[in-house]
PDB file of all heavy atoms in Angstrom:
ATOM      1  N   ILE A   1     -45.666  42.131-115.164  1.00  0.00           N
ATOM      2  CA  ILE A   1     -46.318  40.825-115.052  1.00  0.00           C
ATOM      3  C   ILE A   1     -45.485  39.759-115.760  1.00  0.00           C
ATOM      4  O   ILE A   1     -45.251  38.677-115.218  1.00  0.00           O
ATOM      5  CB  ILE A   1     -47.759  40.875-115.611  1.00  0.00           C
ATOM      6  CG1 ILE A   1     -48.637  41.732-114.701  1.00  0.00           C
ATOM      7  CG2 ILE A   1     -48.336  39.467-115.736  1.00  0.00           C
ATOM      8  CD1 ILE A   1     -49.989  42.063-115.276  1.00  0.00           C
ATOM      9  N   ALA A   2     -45.013  40.066-116.967  1.00  0.00           N
ATOM     10  CA  ALA A   2     -44.191  39.107-117.713  1.00  0.00           C
ATOM     11  C   ALA A   2     -42.919  38.773-116.945  1.00  0.00           C
ATOM     12  O   ALA A   2     -42.527  37.609-116.848  1.00  0.00           O
ATOM     13  CB  ALA A   2     -43.851  39.666-119.093  1.00  0.00           C
ATOM     14  N   ARG A   3     -42.292  39.795-116.376  1.00  0.00           N
ATOM     15  CA  ARG A   3     -41.058  39.579-115.617  1.00  0.00           C
ATOM     16  C   ARG A   3     -41.332  38.690-114.404  1.00  0.00           C
ATOM     17  O   ARG A   3     -40.540  37.810-114.066  1.00  0.00           O
ATOM     18  CB  ARG A   3     -40.501  40.938-115.194  1.00  0.00           C
ATOM     19  CG  ARG A   3     -39.076  40.908-114.754  1.00  0.00           C
ATOM     20  CD  ARG A   3     -38.468  42.283-114.535  1.00  0.00           C
ATOM     21  NE  ARG A   3     -39.386  43.213-113.906  1.00  0.00           N
ATOM     22  CZ  ARG A   3     -39.570  44.461-114.315  1.00  0.00           C
ATOM     23  NH1 ARG A   3     -38.912  44.932-115.341  1.00  0.00           N
ATOM     24  NH2 ARG A   3     -40.402  45.250-113.681  1.00  0.00           N
ATOM     25  N   ALA A   4     -42.460  38.900-113.749  1.00  0.00           N
ATOM     26  CA  ALA A   4     -42.811  38.074-112.589  1.00  0.00           C
ATOM     27  C   ALA A   4     -43.098  36.636-112.999  1.00  0.00           C
ATOM     28  O   ALA A   4     -42.734  35.693-112.295  1.00  0.00           O
ATOM     29  CB  ALA A   4     -44.025  38.671-111.882  1.00  0.00           C
ATOM     30  N   LEU A   5     -43.741  36.456-114.158  1.00  0.00           N
ATOM     31  CA  LEU A   5     -44.132  35.110-114.583  1.00  0.00           C
ATOM     32  C   LEU A   5     -42.968  34.277-115.110  1.00  0.00           C
ATOM     33  O   LEU A   5     -43.075  33.047-115.153  1.00  0.00           O
ATOM     34  CB  LEU A   5     -45.223  35.204-115.642  1.00  0.00           C
ATOM     35  CG  LEU A   5     -46.565  35.717-115.131  1.00  0.00           C
ATOM     36  CD1 LEU A   5     -47.531  35.919-116.284  1.00  0.00           C
ATOM     37  CD2 LEU A   5     -47.141  34.765-114.101  1.00  0.00           C
ATOM     38  N   VAL A   6     -41.874  34.903-115.490  1.00  0.00           N
ATOM     39  CA  VAL A   6     -40.710  34.161-115.986  1.00  0.00           C
ATOM     40  C   VAL A   6     -40.227  33.160-114.941  1.00  0.00           C
ATOM     41  O   VAL A   6     -39.792  32.066-115.278  1.00  0.00           O
ATOM     42  CB  VAL A   6     -39.572  35.140-116.383  1.00  0.00           C
ATOM     43  CG1 VAL A   6     -38.251  34.431-116.557  1.00  0.00           C
ATOM     44  CG2 VAL A   6     -39.950  35.881-117.651  1.00  0.00           C
ATOM     45  N   GLN A   7     -40.365  33.522-113.671  1.00  0.00           N
ATOM     46  CA  GLN A   7     -39.927  32.639-112.584  1.00  0.00           C
ATOM     47  C   GLN A   7     -40.937  31.544-112.278  1.00  0.00           C
ATOM     48  O   GLN A   7     -40.700  30.705-111.423  1.00  0.00           O
ATOM     49  CB  GLN A   7     -39.664  33.462-111.321  1.00  0.00           C
ATOM     50  CG  GLN A   7     -38.601  34.517-111.489  1.00  0.00           C
ATOM     51  CD  GLN A   7     -37.252  33.932-111.815  1.00  0.00           C
ATOM     52  OE1 GLN A   7     -36.862  32.891-111.274  1.00  0.00           O
ATOM     53  NE2 GLN A   7     -36.520  34.574-112.704  1.00  0.00           N
ATOM     54  N   ASP A   8     -42.095  31.556-112.952  1.00  0.00           N
ATOM     55  CA  ASP A   8     -43.167  30.577-112.770  1.00  0.00           C
ATOM     56  C   ASP A   8     -43.619  30.466-111.303  1.00  0.00           C
ATOM     57  O   ASP A   8     -43.654  29.381-110.729  1.00  0.00           O
ATOM     58  CB  ASP A   8     -42.745  29.209-113.302  1.00  0.00           C
ATOM     59  CG  ASP A   8     -43.930  28.271-113.447  1.00  0.00           C
ATOM     60  OD1 ASP A   8     -45.053  28.759-113.704  1.00  0.00           O
ATOM     61  OD2 ASP A   8     -43.755  27.055-113.280  1.00  0.00           O
ATOM     62  N   PRO A   9     -44.006  31.599-110.709  1.00  0.00           N
ATOM     63  CA  PRO A   9     -44.448  31.550-109.306  1.00  0.00           C
ATOM     64  C   PRO A   9     -45.846  30.949-109.186  1.00  0.00           C
ATOM     65  O   PRO A   9     -46.655  31.034-110.108  1.00  0.00           O
ATOM     66  CB  PRO A   9     -44.475  33.029-108.909  1.00  0.00           C
ATOM     67  CG  PRO A   9     -44.858  33.726-110.182  1.00  0.00           C
ATOM     68  CD  PRO A   9     -44.152  32.943-111.273  1.00  0.00           C
ATOM     69  N   ALA A  10     -46.131  30.357-108.050  1.00  0.00           N
ATOM     70  CA  ALA A  10     -47.480  29.853-107.792  1.00  0.00           C
ATOM     71  C   ALA A  10     -48.397  31.007-107.398  1.00  0.00           C
ATOM     72  O   ALA A  10     -49.601  30.934-107.572  1.00  0.00           O
ATOM     73  CB  ALA A  10     -47.442  28.815-106.675  1.00  0.00           C
ATOM     74  N   LEU A  11     -47.806  32.074-106.868  1.00  0.00           N
ATOM     75  CA  LEU A  11     -48.544  33.220-106.377  1.00  0.00           C
ATOM     76  C   LEU A  11     -48.035  34.483-107.067  1.00  0.00           C
ATOM     77  O   LEU A  11     -46.832  34.742-107.098  1.00  0.00           O
ATOM     78  CB  LEU A  11     -48.351  33.355-104.868  1.00  0.00           C
ATOM     79  CG  LEU A  11     -48.896  34.592-104.183  1.00  0.00           C
ATOM     80  CD1 LEU A  11     -50.415  34.557-104.166  1.00  0.00           C
ATOM     81  CD2 LEU A  11     -48.341  34.700-102.780  1.00  0.00           C
ATOM     82  N   LEU A  12     -48.956  35.275-107.619  1.00  0.00           N
ATOM     83  CA  LEU A  12     -48.614  36.550-108.248  1.00  0.00           C
ATOM     84  C   LEU A  12     -49.183  37.656-107.375  1.00  0.00           C
ATOM     85  O   LEU A  12     -50.390  37.698-107.131  1.00  0.00           O
ATOM     86  CB  LEU A  12     -49.206  36.622-109.655  1.00  0.00           C
ATOM     87  CG  LEU A  12     -48.864  37.855-110.470  1.00  0.00           C
ATOM     88  CD1 LEU A  12     -47.363  37.935-110.720  1.00  0.00           C
ATOM     89  CD2 LEU A  12     -49.612  37.832-111.788  1.00  0.00           C
ATOM     90  N   ARG A  13     -48.316  38.528-106.845  1.00  0.00           N
ATOM     91  CA  ARG A  13     -48.752  39.614-105.970  1.00  0.00           C
ATOM     92  C   ARG A  13     -48.872  40.901-106.781  1.00  0.00           C
ATOM     93  O   ARG A  13     -47.960  41.264-107.517  1.00  0.00           O
ATOM     94  CB  ARG A  13     -47.757  39.817-104.838  1.00  0.00           C
ATOM     95  CG  ARG A  13     -47.696  38.625-103.921  1.00  0.00           C
ATOM     96  CD  ARG A  13     -46.600  38.759-102.923  1.00  0.00           C
ATOM     97  NE  ARG A  13     -45.332  38.687-103.666  1.00  0.00           N
ATOM     98  CZ  ARG A  13     -44.160  38.993-103.145  1.00  0.00           C
ATOM     99  NH1 ARG A  13     -44.066  39.393-101.923  1.00  0.00           N
ATOM    100  NH2 ARG A  13     -43.075  38.895-103.865  1.00  0.00           N
ATOM    101  N   CYS A  14     -49.988  41.596-106.629  1.00  0.00           N
ATOM    102  CA  CYS A  14     -50.244  42.836-107.357  1.00  0.00           C
ATOM    103  C   CYS A  14     -50.646  43.923-106.369  1.00  0.00           C
ATOM    104  O   CYS A  14     -51.507  43.705-105.529  1.00  0.00           O
ATOM    105  CB  CYS A  14     -51.376  42.656-108.366  1.00  0.00           C
ATOM    106  SG  CYS A  14     -51.083  41.376-109.565  1.00  0.00           S
ATOM    107  N   ASP A  15     -50.042  45.081-106.503  1.00  0.00           N
ATOM    108  CA  ASP A  15     -50.357  46.220-105.660  1.00  0.00           C
ATOM    109  C   ASP A  15     -50.999  47.292-106.529  1.00  0.00           C
ATOM    110  O   ASP A  15     -50.345  47.847-107.410  1.00  0.00           O
ATOM    111  CB  ASP A  15     -49.084  46.741-105.002  1.00  0.00           C
ATOM    112  CG  ASP A  15     -49.344  47.871-104.029  1.00  0.00           C
ATOM    113  OD1 ASP A  15     -50.511  48.087-103.653  1.00  0.00           O
ATOM    114  OD2 ASP A  15     -48.369  48.545-103.649  1.00  0.00           O
ATOM    115  N   GLU A  16     -52.269  47.567-106.310  1.00  0.00           N
ATOM    116  CA  GLU A  16     -53.027  48.562-107.068  1.00  0.00           C
ATOM    117  C   GLU A  16     -52.833  48.389-108.584  1.00  0.00           C
ATOM    118  O   GLU A  16     -52.236  49.230-109.247  1.00  0.00           O
ATOM    119  CB  GLU A  16     -52.641  49.986-106.644  1.00  0.00           C
ATOM    120  CG  GLU A  16     -52.942  50.322-105.206  1.00  0.00           C
ATOM    121  CD  GLU A  16     -54.418  50.433-104.888  1.00  0.00           C
ATOM    122  OE1 GLU A  16     -55.259  50.344-105.794  1.00  0.00           O
ATOM    123  OE2 GLU A  16     -54.733  50.593-103.695  1.00  0.00           O
ATOM    124  N   PRO A  17     -53.352  47.291-109.146  1.00  0.00           N
ATOM    125  CA  PRO A  17     -53.100  47.006-110.556  1.00  0.00           C
ATOM    126  C   PRO A  17     -53.654  48.044-111.534  1.00  0.00           C
ATOM    127  O   PRO A  17     -53.191  48.124-112.665  1.00  0.00           O
ATOM    128  CB  PRO A  17     -53.772  45.649-110.777  1.00  0.00           C
ATOM    129  CG  PRO A  17     -54.772  45.529-109.690  1.00  0.00           C
ATOM    130  CD  PRO A  17     -54.204  46.288-108.525  1.00  0.00           C
ATOM    131  N   LYS A  18     -54.612  48.865-111.097  1.00  0.00           N
ATOM    132  CA  LYS A  18     -55.130  49.923-111.974  1.00  0.00           C
ATOM    133  C   LYS A  18     -54.523  51.283-111.661  1.00  0.00           C
ATOM    134  O   LYS A  18     -54.838  52.268-112.300  1.00  0.00           O
ATOM    135  CB  LYS A  18     -56.653  50.022-111.847  1.00  0.00           C
ATOM    136  CG  LYS A  18     -57.398  48.907-112.522  1.00  0.00           C
ATOM    137  CD  LYS A  18     -58.900  49.004-112.340  1.00  0.00           C
ATOM    138  CE  LYS A  18     -59.488  50.291-112.821  1.00  0.00           C
ATOM    139  NZ  LYS A  18     -60.962  50.316-112.787  1.00  0.00           N
ATOM    140  N   GLY A  19     -53.637  51.339-110.674  1.00  0.00           N
ATOM    141  CA  GLY A  19     -53.032  52.600-110.281  1.00  0.00           C
ATOM    142  C   GLY A  19     -52.286  53.241-111.447  1.00  0.00           C
ATOM    143  O   GLY A  19     -51.628  52.576-112.234  1.00  0.00           O
ATOM    144  N   ASN A  20     -52.438  54.546-111.597  1.00  0.00           N
ATOM    145  CA  ASN A  20     -51.771  55.332-112.641  1.00  0.00           C
ATOM    146  C   ASN A  20     -52.186  54.958-114.054  1.00  0.00           C
ATOM    147  O   ASN A  20     -51.453  55.237-115.005  1.00  0.00           O
ATOM    148  CB  ASN A  20     -50.246  55.247-112.510  1.00  0.00           C
ATOM    149  CG  ASN A  20     -49.758  55.786-111.189  1.00  0.00           C
ATOM    150  OD1 ASN A  20     -50.269  56.787-110.694  1.00  0.00           O
ATOM    151  ND2 ASN A  20     -48.797  55.118-110.601  1.00  0.00           N
ATOM    152  N   LEU A  21     -53.319  54.302-114.217  1.00  0.00           N
ATOM    153  CA  LEU A  21     -53.823  53.959-115.542  1.00  0.00           C
ATOM    154  C   LEU A  21     -55.169  54.641-115.757  1.00  0.00           C
ATOM    155  O   LEU A  21     -55.940  54.811-114.814  1.00  0.00           O
ATOM    156  CB  LEU A  21     -54.018  52.449-115.688  1.00  0.00           C
ATOM    157  CG  LEU A  21     -52.781  51.568-115.599  1.00  0.00           C
ATOM    158  CD1 LEU A  21     -53.188  50.103-115.642  1.00  0.00           C
ATOM    159  CD2 LEU A  21     -51.816  51.882-116.724  1.00  0.00           C
ATOM    160  N   ASP A  22     -55.459  55.002-117.016  1.00  0.00           N
ATOM    161  CA  ASP A  22     -56.802  55.507-117.289  1.00  0.00           C
ATOM    162  C   ASP A  22     -57.771  54.331-117.198  1.00  0.00           C
ATOM    163  O   ASP A  22     -57.370  53.178-117.105  1.00  0.00           O
ATOM    164  CB  ASP A  22     -56.879  56.229-118.639  1.00  0.00           C
ATOM    165  CG  ASP A  22     -56.558  55.335-119.828  1.00  0.00           C
ATOM    166  OD1 ASP A  22     -57.001  54.162-119.841  1.00  0.00           O
ATOM    167  OD2 ASP A  22     -55.881  55.809-120.756  1.00  0.00           O
ATOM    168  N   SER A  23     -59.064  54.608-117.208  1.00  0.00           N
ATOM    169  CA  SER A  23     -60.041  53.541-116.957  1.00  0.00           C
ATOM    170  C   SER A  23     -59.990  52.431-117.999  1.00  0.00           C
ATOM    171  O   SER A  23     -60.118  51.253-117.653  1.00  0.00           O
ATOM    172  CB  SER A  23     -61.449  54.100-116.831  1.00  0.00           C
ATOM    173  OG  SER A  23     -61.722  55.050-117.808  1.00  0.00           O
ATOM    174  N   ALA A  24     -59.785  52.769-119.269  1.00  0.00           N
ATOM    175  CA  ALA A  24     -59.741  51.725-120.309  1.00  0.00           C
ATOM    176  C   ALA A  24     -58.537  50.817-120.119  1.00  0.00           C
ATOM    177  O   ALA A  24     -58.651  49.586-120.179  1.00  0.00           O
ATOM    178  CB  ALA A  24     -59.714  52.364-121.695  1.00  0.00           C
ATOM    179  N   LYS A  25     -57.373  51.393-119.856  1.00  0.00           N
ATOM    180  CA  LYS A  25     -56.171  50.581-119.670  1.00  0.00           C
ATOM    181  C   LYS A  25     -56.223  49.818-118.354  1.00  0.00           C
ATOM    182  O   LYS A  25     -55.717  48.703-118.245  1.00  0.00           O
ATOM    183  CB  LYS A  25     -54.929  51.449-119.750  1.00  0.00           C
ATOM    184  CG  LYS A  25     -54.670  51.936-121.167  1.00  0.00           C
ATOM    185  CD  LYS A  25     -53.427  52.771-121.260  1.00  0.00           C
ATOM    186  CE  LYS A  25     -53.249  53.238-122.701  1.00  0.00           C
ATOM    187  NZ  LYS A  25     -52.158  54.185-122.817  1.00  0.00           N
ATOM    188  N   GLY A  26     -56.869  50.400-117.351  1.00  0.00           N
ATOM    189  CA  GLY A  26     -57.046  49.702-116.082  1.00  0.00           C
ATOM    190  C   GLY A  26     -57.888  48.456-116.256  1.00  0.00           C
ATOM    191  O   GLY A  26     -57.584  47.407-115.674  1.00  0.00           O
ATOM    192  N   GLU A  27     -58.939  48.557-117.058  1.00  0.00           N
ATOM    193  CA  GLU A  27     -59.774  47.390-117.330  1.00  0.00           C
ATOM    194  C   GLU A  27     -58.980  46.314-118.072  1.00  0.00           C
ATOM    195  O   GLU A  27     -59.135  45.123-117.804  1.00  0.00           O
ATOM    196  CB  GLU A  27     -61.014  47.781-118.127  1.00  0.00           C
ATOM    197  CG  GLU A  27     -62.005  48.615-117.342  1.00  0.00           C
ATOM    198  CD  GLU A  27     -62.459  47.964-116.056  1.00  0.00           C
ATOM    199  OE1 GLU A  27     -62.754  46.754-116.062  1.00  0.00           O
ATOM    200  OE2 GLU A  27     -62.513  48.672-115.028  1.00  0.00           O
ATOM    201  N   LEU A  28     -58.128  46.730-119.005  1.00  0.00           N
ATOM    202  CA  LEU A  28     -57.276  45.763-119.723  1.00  0.00           C
ATOM    203  C   LEU A  28     -56.341  45.038-118.758  1.00  0.00           C
ATOM    204  O   LEU A  28     -56.131  43.831-118.884  1.00  0.00           O
ATOM    205  CB  LEU A  28     -56.472  46.454-120.817  1.00  0.00           C
ATOM    206  CG  LEU A  28     -57.240  46.891-122.050  1.00  0.00           C
ATOM    207  CD1 LEU A  28     -56.333  47.710-122.969  1.00  0.00           C
ATOM    208  CD2 LEU A  28     -57.792  45.697-122.801  1.00  0.00           C
ATOM    209  N   ALA A  29     -55.786  45.770-117.802  1.00  0.00           N
ATOM    210  CA  ALA A  29     -54.891  45.154-116.817  1.00  0.00           C
ATOM    211  C   ALA A  29     -55.638  44.106-115.992  1.00  0.00           C
ATOM    212  O   ALA A  29     -55.120  43.009-115.749  1.00  0.00           O
ATOM    213  CB  ALA A  29     -54.289  46.225-115.909  1.00  0.00           C
ATOM    214  N   LEU A  30     -56.865  44.439-115.583  1.00  0.00           N
ATOM    215  CA  LEU A  30     -57.654  43.478-114.806  1.00  0.00           C
ATOM    216  C   LEU A  30     -58.040  42.266-115.638  1.00  0.00           C
ATOM    217  O   LEU A  30     -58.024  41.136-115.143  1.00  0.00           O
ATOM    218  CB  LEU A  30     -58.897  44.153-114.241  1.00  0.00           C
ATOM    219  CG  LEU A  30     -58.636  45.205-113.171  1.00  0.00           C
ATOM    220  CD1 LEU A  30     -59.942  45.838-112.723  1.00  0.00           C
ATOM    221  CD2 LEU A  30     -57.887  44.623-111.997  1.00  0.00           C
ATOM    222  N   GLU A  31     -58.368  42.484-116.914  1.00  0.00           N
ATOM    223  CA  GLU A  31     -58.688  41.358-117.792  1.00  0.00           C
ATOM    224  C   GLU A  31     -57.484  40.446-117.965  1.00  0.00           C
ATOM    225  O   GLU A  31     -57.619  39.216-117.981  1.00  0.00           O
ATOM    226  CB  GLU A  31     -59.156  41.872-119.157  1.00  0.00           C
ATOM    227  CG  GLU A  31     -60.537  42.481-119.129  1.00  0.00           C
ATOM    228  CD  GLU A  31     -60.913  43.147-120.446  1.00  0.00           C
ATOM    229  OE1 GLU A  31     -60.240  42.895-121.468  1.00  0.00           O
ATOM    230  OE2 GLU A  31     -61.879  43.927-120.443  1.00  0.00           O
ATOM    231  N   LEU A  32     -56.299  41.038-118.070  1.00  0.00           N
ATOM    232  CA  LEU A  32     -55.074  40.250-118.190  1.00  0.00           C
ATOM    233  C   LEU A  32     -54.877  39.383-116.947  1.00  0.00           C
ATOM    234  O   LEU A  32     -54.584  38.189-117.052  1.00  0.00           O
ATOM    235  CB  LEU A  32     -53.874  41.169-118.404  1.00  0.00           C
ATOM    236  CG  LEU A  32     -52.505  40.520-118.435  1.00  0.00           C
ATOM    237  CD1 LEU A  32     -52.400  39.538-119.586  1.00  0.00           C
ATOM    238  CD2 LEU A  32     -51.420  41.591-118.536  1.00  0.00           C
ATOM    239  N   LEU A  33     -55.080  39.957-115.770  1.00  0.00           N
ATOM    240  CA  LEU A  33     -54.936  39.181-114.530  1.00  0.00           C
ATOM    241  C   LEU A  33     -55.975  38.068-114.450  1.00  0.00           C
ATOM    242  O   LEU A  33     -55.672  36.952-114.027  1.00  0.00           O
ATOM    243  CB  LEU A  33     -55.047  40.099-113.314  1.00  0.00           C
ATOM    244  CG  LEU A  33     -53.888  41.062-113.106  1.00  0.00           C
ATOM    245  CD1 LEU A  33     -54.194  42.014-111.964  1.00  0.00           C
ATOM    246  CD2 LEU A  33     -52.591  40.311-112.852  1.00  0.00           C
ATOM    247  N   GLU A  34     -57.195  38.366-114.889  1.00  0.00           N
ATOM    248  CA  GLU A  34     -58.240  37.346-114.868  1.00  0.00           C
ATOM    249  C   GLU A  34     -57.901  36.202-115.813  1.00  0.00           C
ATOM    250  O   GLU A  34     -58.049  35.022-115.462  1.00  0.00           O
ATOM    251  CB  GLU A  34     -59.579  37.968-115.273  1.00  0.00           C
ATOM    252  CG  GLU A  34     -60.733  37.006-115.174  1.00  0.00           C
ATOM    253  CD  GLU A  34     -62.059  37.658-115.543  1.00  0.00           C
ATOM    254  OE1 GLU A  34     -62.166  38.890-115.484  1.00  0.00           O
ATOM    255  OE2 GLU A  34     -62.980  36.905-115.892  1.00  0.00           O
TER     256      GLU A  34
END
């Protein structure tokens, strides 16, 4: 996410943001996107 944001895009594309994460870390990833 940080690497993508360095370019200051208007649109951030995410593919399965909770993929390969346990439920607690998946929730953190979604909170970060929110």
